Amino acid sequence: MNNNISIIGAGAWGSALAIALSDNFDTIYLHTHTQEEADTLQPKHHALSVNYTSNIKLTFGLLHIQDSHSILIAVPSYGFTDTLKILQPLLTKKQHIAWATKGFDTKGQCFLHESFESILDRHPSCVISGPSFAFEVASRKPTALSIAAKDKKIQDHWAQILNTQVLRTYTNYDVIGVEVGGTVKNILAIAAGIAAGLNYGANTQAALITRGLAEMIRLGVALGAKTSTFNGLSSRRPSGLRKTSPNSNSLARC
């Protein structure tokens, strides 16, 4: 199989990831929601200032899924389950699948990894998250991402293909912690933005972030996450660096 990847979801986040990863692949198939979207997005996504590279192919209908060794889902959370159901009959056992979608399955009232495992049970689940603005990722600003999976081989596969000169990946086993952190941090970011807009000052923002992190930890632990996951963006080991002790804590800021 050629060195191709499919990214499902051509929104700002999916487009930014495609641009950031363009040097790592022969072809990146960026799958849009509609044919009209595929026709109108060129030469760039309206929310980004960077044009798509020549090896990014905008496509509709999942026609090239079987031409890709890896598939990265970057659709909004409300479309995550429907996307999995459409993908199910098209996939082979050898393909690697992960998602960069943030949020919960509101229809099923569960985690995204639970929806994933109920539909694509023959594929190990893997979530990719991190403190990342799409605009900065597309502009190739240094960014760190967390890769969480229960299978170390899956972690290492995605760490290898997602590492670039400006993207650094960190692997860990706490799927729930990464999902909770990646979702709840957005609530804190919105609250901090509102405080800034109201000119409440740095004291208010500091209080929101500090107390918000404490609440995030309590929620995450209650749902089955590890406390250490919320303490900073690091991990069992950063990919590409010397391996640390297998007994060291997994840390991943999402």
C-alpha atoms as a PDB file:
ATOM      1  CA  MET A   1       0.000   0.000   0.000  1.00  0.00           C
ATOM      2  CA  ASN A   2       1.209   3.503  -0.808  1.00  0.00           C
ATOM      3  CA  ASN A   3       2.220   5.937   1.894  1.00  0.00           C
ATOM      4  CA  ASN A   4      -1.211   7.591   1.999  1.00  0.00           C
ATOM      5  CA  ILE A   5      -3.488   8.697   4.813  1.00  0.00           C
ATOM      6  CA  SER A   6      -7.167   9.636   4.837  1.00  0.00           C
ATOM      7  CA  ILE A   7      -8.395  12.443   7.071  1.00  0.00           C
ATOM      8  CA  ILE A   8     -12.162  12.439   7.426  1.00  0.00           C
ATOM      9  CA  GLY A   9     -13.494  15.913   8.068  1.00  0.00           C
ATOM     10  CA  ALA A  10     -12.321  18.956   6.107  1.00  0.00           C
ATOM     11  CA  GLY A  11     -13.169  21.534   8.750  1.00  0.00           C
ATOM     12  CA  ALA A  12     -10.518  23.848  10.157  1.00  0.00           C
ATOM     13  CA  TRP A  13      -9.060  21.118  12.390  1.00  0.00           C
ATOM     14  CA  GLY A  14      -8.962  18.379   9.755  1.00  0.00           C
ATOM     15  CA  SER A  15      -7.559  20.811   7.189  1.00  0.00           C
ATOM     16  CA  ALA A  16      -4.897  22.043   9.597  1.00  0.00           C
ATOM     17  CA  LEU A  17      -3.780  18.490  10.360  1.00  0.00           C
ATOM     18  CA  ALA A  18      -3.591  17.703   6.644  1.00  0.00           C
ATOM     19  CA  ILE A  19      -1.373  20.727   6.011  1.00  0.00           C
ATOM     20  CA  ALA A  20       0.853  20.002   9.019  1.00  0.00           C
ATOM     21  CA  LEU A  21       1.326  16.363   7.988  1.00  0.00           C
ATOM     22  CA  SER A  22       1.760  16.952   4.259  1.00  0.00           C
ATOM     23  CA  ASP A  23       5.506  16.294   4.316  1.00  0.00           C
ATOM     24  CA  ASN A  24       4.986  12.839   5.863  1.00  0.00           C
ATOM     25  CA  PHE A  25       2.832  11.308   3.122  1.00  0.00           C
ATOM     26  CA  ASP A  26       2.718  10.812  -0.618  1.00  0.00           C
ATOM     27  CA  THR A  27      -0.973  11.693  -0.678  1.00  0.00           C
ATOM     28  CA  ILE A  28      -3.389  12.944   1.978  1.00  0.00           C
ATOM     29  CA  TYR A  29      -7.031  12.350   1.088  1.00  0.00           C
ATOM     30  CA  LEU A  30      -9.068  15.008   2.877  1.00  0.00           C
ATOM     31  CA  HIS A  31     -12.657  13.772   2.876  1.00  0.00           C
ATOM     32  CA  THR A  32     -15.367  16.442   2.859  1.00  0.00           C
ATOM     33  CA  HIS A  33     -18.981  16.248   4.001  1.00  0.00           C
ATOM     34  CA  THR A  34     -20.418  17.226   0.623  1.00  0.00           C
ATOM     35  CA  GLN A  35     -19.259  17.514  -2.975  1.00  0.00           C
ATOM     36  CA  GLU A  36     -19.981  21.254  -2.821  1.00  0.00           C
ATOM     37  CA  GLU A  37     -17.555  21.550   0.090  1.00  0.00           C
ATOM     38  CA  ALA A  38     -14.870  19.720  -1.891  1.00  0.00           C
ATOM     39  CA  ASP A  39     -15.423  22.068  -4.843  1.00  0.00           C
ATOM     40  CA  THR A  40     -15.380  25.326  -2.874  1.00  0.00           C
ATOM     41  CA  LEU A  41     -12.609  24.808  -0.301  1.00  0.00           C
ATOM     42  CA  GLN A  42      -9.746  25.271  -2.751  1.00  0.00           C
ATOM     43  CA  PRO A  43      -7.185  26.745  -2.446  1.00  0.00           C
ATOM     44  CA  LYS A  44      -7.584  26.875   1.351  1.00  0.00           C
ATOM     45  CA  HIS A  45     -10.040  26.538   4.200  1.00  0.00           C
ATOM     46  CA  HIS A  46     -11.731  29.880   4.890  1.00  0.00           C
ATOM     47  CA  ALA A  47     -10.646  29.806   8.554  1.00  0.00           C
ATOM     48  CA  LEU A  48      -6.971  29.254   7.722  1.00  0.00           C
ATOM     49  CA  SER A  49      -4.430  31.510   6.041  1.00  0.00           C
ATOM     50  CA  VAL A  50      -2.390  28.658   4.545  1.00  0.00           C
ATOM     51  CA  ASN A  51      -3.151  27.003   1.212  1.00  0.00           C
ATOM     52  CA  TYR A  52      -3.504  23.251   0.882  1.00  0.00           C
ATOM     53  CA  THR A  53      -0.326  21.619  -0.396  1.00  0.00           C
ATOM     54  CA  SER A  54      -0.317  19.878  -3.775  1.00  0.00           C
ATOM     55  CA  ASN A  55      -0.466  16.372  -2.263  1.00  0.00           C
ATOM     56  CA  ILE A  56      -3.681  17.106  -0.321  1.00  0.00           C
ATOM     57  CA  LYS A  57      -6.595  15.814  -2.381  1.00  0.00           C
ATOM     58  CA  LEU A  58     -10.055  17.041  -1.395  1.00  0.00           C
ATOM     59  CA  THR A  59     -12.554  14.290  -2.060  1.00  0.00           C
ATOM     60  CA  PHE A  60     -16.147  13.350  -1.289  1.00  0.00           C
ATOM     61  CA  GLY A  61     -17.737   9.929  -0.836  1.00  0.00           C
ATOM     62  CA  LEU A  62     -14.905   8.069   0.927  1.00  0.00           C
ATOM     63  CA  LEU A  63     -13.710   6.807  -2.456  1.00  0.00           C
ATOM     64  CA  HIS A  64     -10.070   6.566  -1.385  1.00  0.00           C
ATOM     65  CA  ILE A  65     -10.421   4.988   2.055  1.00  0.00           C
ATOM     66  CA  GLN A  66      -8.989   1.677   0.841  1.00  0.00           C
ATOM     67  CA  ASP A  67      -6.012   3.500  -0.709  1.00  0.00           C
ATOM     68  CA  SER A  68      -4.879   4.658   2.751  1.00  0.00           C
ATOM     69  CA  HIS A  69      -2.966   2.666   5.369  1.00  0.00           C
ATOM     70  CA  SER A  70      -4.194   4.967   8.157  1.00  0.00           C
ATOM     71  CA  ILE A  71      -7.428   6.866   8.768  1.00  0.00           C
ATOM     72  CA  LEU A  72      -7.750   9.891  11.047  1.00  0.00           C
ATOM     73  CA  ILE A  73     -11.267  11.043  11.944  1.00  0.00           C
ATOM     74  CA  ALA A  74     -11.627  14.781  12.546  1.00  0.00           C
ATOM     75  CA  VAL A  75     -15.371  15.327  12.302  1.00  0.00           C
ATOM     76  CA  PRO A  76     -17.420  17.170  14.974  1.00  0.00           C
ATOM     77  CA  SER A  77     -18.494  14.964  17.874  1.00  0.00           C
ATOM     78  CA  TYR A  78     -22.158  15.028  16.837  1.00  0.00           C
ATOM     79  CA  GLY A  79     -21.198  13.313  13.574  1.00  0.00           C
ATOM     80  CA  PHE A  80     -18.717  10.838  15.030  1.00  0.00           C
ATOM     81  CA  THR A  81     -20.996   7.810  15.385  1.00  0.00           C
ATOM     82  CA  ASP A  82     -22.583   8.254  11.960  1.00  0.00           C
ATOM     83  CA  THR A  83     -19.102   8.481  10.418  1.00  0.00           C
ATOM     84  CA  LEU A  84     -18.077   5.198  12.064  1.00  0.00           C
ATOM     85  CA  LYS A  85     -21.166   3.447  10.725  1.00  0.00           C
ATOM     86  CA  ILE A  86     -20.440   4.641   7.195  1.00  0.00           C
ATOM     87  CA  LEU A  87     -16.808   3.552   7.496  1.00  0.00           C
ATOM     88  CA  GLN A  88     -17.510   0.113   8.939  1.00  0.00           C
ATOM     89  CA  PRO A  89     -18.091  -1.820   5.675  1.00  0.00           C
ATOM     90  CA  LEU A  90     -15.214  -0.043   3.907  1.00  0.00           C
ATOM     91  CA  LEU A  91     -12.375  -0.876   6.267  1.00  0.00           C
ATOM     92  CA  THR A  92      -9.837  -3.679   6.296  1.00  0.00           C
ATOM     93  CA  LYS A  93      -8.321  -5.204   9.423  1.00  0.00           C
ATOM     94  CA  LYS A  94      -4.866  -3.907   8.479  1.00  0.00           C
ATOM     95  CA  GLN A  95      -5.859  -0.253   8.481  1.00  0.00           C
ATOM     96  CA  HIS A  96      -5.056   1.903  11.508  1.00  0.00           C
ATOM     97  CA  ILE A  97      -7.793   4.219  12.760  1.00  0.00           C
ATOM     98  CA  ALA A  98      -7.677   7.085  15.250  1.00  0.00           C
ATOM     99  CA  TRP A  99      -9.723  10.177  15.941  1.00  0.00           C
ATOM    100  CA  ALA A 100      -8.883  13.789  16.711  1.00  0.00           C
ATOM    101  CA  THR A 101     -12.520  14.590  17.486  1.00  0.00           C
ATOM    102  CA  LYS A 102     -13.096  16.272  20.850  1.00  0.00           C
ATOM    103  CA  GLY A 103     -16.286  15.797  22.816  1.00  0.00           C
ATOM    104  CA  PHE A 104     -18.682  13.089  23.961  1.00  0.00           C
ATOM    105  CA  ASP A 105     -21.299  11.033  22.144  1.00  0.00           C
ATOM    106  CA  THR A 106     -24.420  12.965  23.135  1.00  0.00           C
ATOM    107  CA  LYS A 107     -26.759  10.550  21.343  1.00  0.00           C
ATOM    108  CA  GLY A 108     -25.380   7.469  23.070  1.00  0.00           C
ATOM    109  CA  GLN A 109     -24.499   9.416  26.241  1.00  0.00           C
ATOM    110  CA  CYS A 110     -21.069   7.841  26.402  1.00  0.00           C
ATOM    111  CA  PHE A 111     -17.411   8.386  25.567  1.00  0.00           C
ATOM    112  CA  LEU A 112     -16.324   8.428  21.951  1.00  0.00           C
ATOM    113  CA  HIS A 113     -14.110   5.405  22.561  1.00  0.00           C
ATOM    114  CA  GLU A 114     -17.162   3.468  23.760  1.00  0.00           C
ATOM    115  CA  SER A 115     -19.013   4.327  20.559  1.00  0.00           C
ATOM    116  CA  PHE A 116     -15.926   3.387  18.554  1.00  0.00           C
ATOM    117  CA  GLU A 117     -15.544   0.008  20.245  1.00  0.00           C
ATOM    118  CA  SER A 118     -19.231  -0.815  19.848  1.00  0.00           C
ATOM    119  CA  ILE A 119     -19.127  -0.201  16.093  1.00  0.00           C
ATOM    120  CA  LEU A 120     -15.530  -0.995  15.076  1.00  0.00           C
ATOM    121  CA  ASP A 121     -14.714  -3.640  17.659  1.00  0.00           C
ATOM    122  CA  ARG A 122     -12.010  -5.280  15.540  1.00  0.00           C
ATOM    123  CA  HIS A 123      -9.930  -2.070  15.498  1.00  0.00           C
ATOM    124  CA  PRO A 124      -8.109  -0.862  18.641  1.00  0.00           C
ATOM    125  CA  SER A 125      -9.302   2.576  19.739  1.00  0.00           C
ATOM    126  CA  CYS A 126      -6.919   5.530  19.702  1.00  0.00           C
ATOM    127  CA  VAL A 127      -7.607   9.185  20.542  1.00  0.00           C
ATOM    128  CA  ILE A 128      -5.397  12.115  19.561  1.00  0.00           C
ATOM    129  CA  SER A 129      -5.776  15.387  21.417  1.00  0.00           C
ATOM    130  CA  GLY A 130      -3.796  18.315  22.729  1.00  0.00           C
ATOM    131  CA  PRO A 131      -3.747  22.081  23.361  1.00  0.00           C
ATOM    132  CA  SER A 132      -3.845  23.107  19.726  1.00  0.00           C
ATOM    133  CA  PHE A 133      -5.377  25.886  17.655  1.00  0.00           C
ATOM    134  CA  ALA A 134      -6.062  24.862  14.064  1.00  0.00           C
ATOM    135  CA  PHE A 135      -4.702  28.157  12.710  1.00  0.00           C
ATOM    136  CA  GLU A 136      -1.355  27.657  14.456  1.00  0.00           C
ATOM    137  CA  VAL A 137      -1.088  23.985  13.465  1.00  0.00           C
ATOM    138  CA  ALA A 138      -1.688  24.913   9.816  1.00  0.00           C
ATOM    139  CA  SER A 139       0.897  27.700  10.146  1.00  0.00           C
ATOM    140  CA  ARG A 140       3.392  25.093  11.370  1.00  0.00           C
ATOM    141  CA  LYS A 141       3.833  26.566  14.822  1.00  0.00           C
ATOM    142  CA  PRO A 142       5.373  24.134  17.353  1.00  0.00           C
ATOM    143  CA  THR A 143       2.590  22.023  18.861  1.00  0.00           C
ATOM    144  CA  ALA A 144       2.406  19.012  21.161  1.00  0.00           C
ATOM    145  CA  LEU A 145      -0.226  16.292  20.894  1.00  0.00           C
ATOM    146  CA  SER A 146      -1.203  13.358  23.110  1.00  0.00           C
ATOM    147  CA  ILE A 147      -1.852   9.912  21.668  1.00  0.00           C
ATOM    148  CA  ALA A 148      -3.796   7.611  23.979  1.00  0.00           C
ATOM    149  CA  ALA A 149      -4.439   3.951  23.247  1.00  0.00           C
ATOM    150  CA  LYS A 150      -4.534   0.750  25.253  1.00  0.00           C
ATOM    151  CA  ASP A 151      -2.250  -0.951  22.723  1.00  0.00           C
ATOM    152  CA  LYS A 152       1.380   0.206  22.672  1.00  0.00           C
ATOM    153  CA  LYS A 153       1.824  -0.772  19.016  1.00  0.00           C
ATOM    154  CA  ILE A 154      -1.054   1.532  18.107  1.00  0.00           C
ATOM    155  CA  GLN A 155       0.481   4.350  20.136  1.00  0.00           C
ATOM    156  CA  ASP A 156       3.820   3.936  18.404  1.00  0.00           C
ATOM    157  CA  HIS A 157       2.270   3.744  14.938  1.00  0.00           C
ATOM    158  CA  TRP A 158       0.489   7.073  15.299  1.00  0.00           C
ATOM    159  CA  ALA A 159       3.406   8.682  17.110  1.00  0.00           C
ATOM    160  CA  GLN A 160       5.676   7.825  14.204  1.00  0.00           C
ATOM    161  CA  ILE A 161       3.439   9.153  11.444  1.00  0.00           C
ATOM    162  CA  LEU A 162       2.304  12.280  13.314  1.00  0.00           C
ATOM    163  CA  ASN A 163       5.766  13.463  14.317  1.00  0.00           C
ATOM    164  CA  THR A 164       7.050  16.338  12.181  1.00  0.00           C
ATOM    165  CA  GLN A 165       9.573  19.124  12.603  1.00  0.00           C
ATOM    166  CA  VAL A 166       6.961  21.119  14.513  1.00  0.00           C
ATOM    167  CA  LEU A 167       4.583  18.460  15.868  1.00  0.00           C
ATOM    168  CA  ARG A 168       5.715  16.477  18.913  1.00  0.00           C
ATOM    169  CA  THR A 169       3.601  13.547  20.067  1.00  0.00           C
ATOM    170  CA  TYR A 170       3.391  12.009  23.528  1.00  0.00           C
ATOM    171  CA  THR A 171       1.948   8.563  24.150  1.00  0.00           C
ATOM    172  CA  ASN A 172       0.003   7.204  27.099  1.00  0.00           C
ATOM    173  CA  TYR A 173      -2.630   4.624  28.028  1.00  0.00           C
ATOM    174  CA  ASP A 174      -5.268   6.854  29.637  1.00  0.00           C
ATOM    175  CA  VAL A 175      -7.899   7.065  26.886  1.00  0.00           C
ATOM    176  CA  ILE A 176     -10.585   8.378  29.249  1.00  0.00           C
ATOM    177  CA  GLY A 177      -8.324  11.062  30.701  1.00  0.00           C
ATOM    178  CA  VAL A 178      -7.332  12.369  27.286  1.00  0.00           C
ATOM    179  CA  GLU A 179     -10.957  12.409  26.127  1.00  0.00           C
ATOM    180  CA  VAL A 180     -12.163  14.241  29.254  1.00  0.00           C
ATOM    181  CA  GLY A 181      -9.301  16.736  29.184  1.00  0.00           C
ATOM    182  CA  GLY A 182      -9.700  17.451  25.483  1.00  0.00           C
ATOM    183  CA  THR A 183     -13.395  18.168  25.954  1.00  0.00           C
ATOM    184  CA  VAL A 184     -13.619  20.001  29.269  1.00  0.00           C
ATOM    185  CA  LYS A 185     -10.706  22.318  28.548  1.00  0.00           C
ATOM    186  CA  ASN A 186     -12.833  23.937  25.852  1.00  0.00           C
ATOM    187  CA  ILE A 187     -15.354  24.976  28.495  1.00  0.00           C
ATOM    188  CA  LEU A 188     -12.581  26.601  30.511  1.00  0.00           C
ATOM    189  CA  ALA A 189     -11.228  28.323  27.406  1.00  0.00           C
ATOM    190  CA  ILE A 190     -14.646  29.801  26.620  1.00  0.00           C
ATOM    191  CA  ALA A 191     -15.044  30.990  30.221  1.00  0.00           C
ATOM    192  CA  ALA A 192     -11.579  32.570  30.174  1.00  0.00           C
ATOM    193  CA  GLY A 193     -12.419  34.287  26.900  1.00  0.00           C
ATOM    194  CA  ILE A 194     -15.648  35.691  28.339  1.00  0.00           C
ATOM    195  CA  ALA A 195     -13.738  36.987  31.355  1.00  0.00           C
ATOM    196  CA  ALA A 196     -11.224  38.659  29.057  1.00  0.00           C
ATOM    197  CA  GLY A 197     -14.002  40.198  26.977  1.00  0.00           C
ATOM    198  CA  LEU A 198     -15.585  41.648  30.110  1.00  0.00           C
ATOM    199  CA  ASN A 199     -12.206  43.113  31.144  1.00  0.00           C
ATOM    200  CA  TYR A 200     -12.243  41.210  34.420  1.00  0.00           C
ATOM    201  CA  GLY A 201      -8.463  41.000  34.391  1.00  0.00           C
ATOM    202  CA  ALA A 202      -5.816  38.375  34.960  1.00  0.00           C
ATOM    203  CA  ASN A 203      -6.956  37.572  38.524  1.00  0.00           C
ATOM    204  CA  THR A 204     -10.302  36.276  37.286  1.00  0.00           C
ATOM    205  CA  GLN A 205      -8.724  34.255  34.493  1.00  0.00           C
ATOM    206  CA  ALA A 206      -6.211  32.736  36.903  1.00  0.00           C
ATOM    207  CA  ALA A 207      -9.017  31.754  39.291  1.00  0.00           C
ATOM    208  CA  LEU A 208     -11.059  30.238  36.450  1.00  0.00           C
ATOM    209  CA  ILE A 209      -8.168  28.189  35.142  1.00  0.00           C
ATOM    210  CA  THR A 210      -6.938  27.040  38.556  1.00  0.00           C
ATOM    211  CA  ARG A 211     -10.335  26.082  39.940  1.00  0.00           C
ATOM    212  CA  GLY A 212     -11.420  24.741  36.557  1.00  0.00           C
ATOM    213  CA  LEU A 213      -8.467  22.387  36.450  1.00  0.00           C
ATOM    214  CA  ALA A 214      -9.339  21.099  39.922  1.00  0.00           C
ATOM    215  CA  GLU A 215     -12.912  20.427  38.819  1.00  0.00           C
ATOM    216  CA  MET A 216     -11.668  18.778  35.613  1.00  0.00           C
ATOM    217  CA  ILE A 217      -9.501  16.410  37.651  1.00  0.00           C
ATOM    218  CA  ARG A 218     -12.356  15.484  39.968  1.00  0.00           C
ATOM    219  CA  LEU A 219     -14.667  14.823  37.022  1.00  0.00           C
ATOM    220  CA  GLY A 220     -12.033  12.827  35.165  1.00  0.00           C
ATOM    221  CA  VAL A 221     -11.157  10.639  38.131  1.00  0.00           C
ATOM    222  CA  ALA A 222     -14.859   9.990  38.804  1.00  0.00           C
ATOM    223  CA  LEU A 223     -15.189   8.799  35.208  1.00  0.00           C
ATOM    224  CA  GLY A 224     -12.157   6.504  35.425  1.00  0.00           C
ATOM    225  CA  ALA A 225      -9.227   8.712  34.390  1.00  0.00           C
ATOM    226  CA  LYS A 226      -5.870   9.024  36.121  1.00  0.00           C
ATOM    227  CA  THR A 227      -5.140  12.150  38.144  1.00  0.00           C
ATOM    228  CA  SER A 228      -1.690  12.440  36.587  1.00  0.00           C
ATOM    229  CA  THR A 229      -3.171  12.791  33.100  1.00  0.00           C
ATOM    230  CA  PHE A 230      -4.325  16.336  33.861  1.00  0.00           C
ATOM    231  CA  ASN A 231      -1.068  17.614  35.319  1.00  0.00           C
ATOM    232  CA  GLY A 232       0.749  18.557  32.142  1.00  0.00           C
ATOM    233  CA  LEU A 233       1.513  17.608  28.552  1.00  0.00           C
ATOM    234  CA  SER A 234       4.029  14.824  28.890  1.00  0.00           C
ATOM    235  CA  SER A 235       3.700  11.082  29.063  1.00  0.00           C
ATOM    236  CA  ARG A 236       5.156   7.695  29.596  1.00  0.00           C
ATOM    237  CA  ARG A 237       7.635   8.893  27.011  1.00  0.00           C
ATOM    238  CA  PRO A 238       7.741  11.457  24.222  1.00  0.00           C
ATOM    239  CA  SER A 239       7.943   9.614  20.922  1.00  0.00           C
ATOM    240  CA  GLY A 240      11.349   9.621  19.304  1.00  0.00           C
ATOM    241  CA  LEU A 241      13.220  10.116  22.590  1.00  0.00           C
ATOM    242  CA  ARG A 242      14.966   7.694  24.897  1.00  0.00           C
ATOM    243  CA  LYS A 243      12.498   5.407  26.626  1.00  0.00           C
ATOM    244  CA  THR A 244      11.889   6.102  30.296  1.00  0.00           C
ATOM    245  CA  SER A 245      11.123   3.702  33.073  1.00  0.00           C
ATOM    246  CA  PRO A 246       8.027   1.577  32.345  1.00  0.00           C
ATOM    247  CA  ASN A 247       6.834   2.379  35.873  1.00  0.00           C
ATOM    248  CA  SER A 248       6.781   6.134  35.325  1.00  0.00           C
ATOM    249  CA  ASN A 249       3.410   7.874  35.432  1.00  0.00           C
ATOM    250  CA  SER A 250       1.545   8.710  32.244  1.00  0.00           C
ATOM    251  CA  LEU A 251       1.003  12.445  31.971  1.00  0.00           C
ATOM    252  CA  ALA A 252      -0.909  14.057  29.140  1.00  0.00           C
ATOM    253  CA  ARG A 253      -2.439  17.499  28.953  1.00  0.00           C
ATOM    254  CA  CYS A 254      -5.253  17.463  26.408  1.00  0.00           C
END
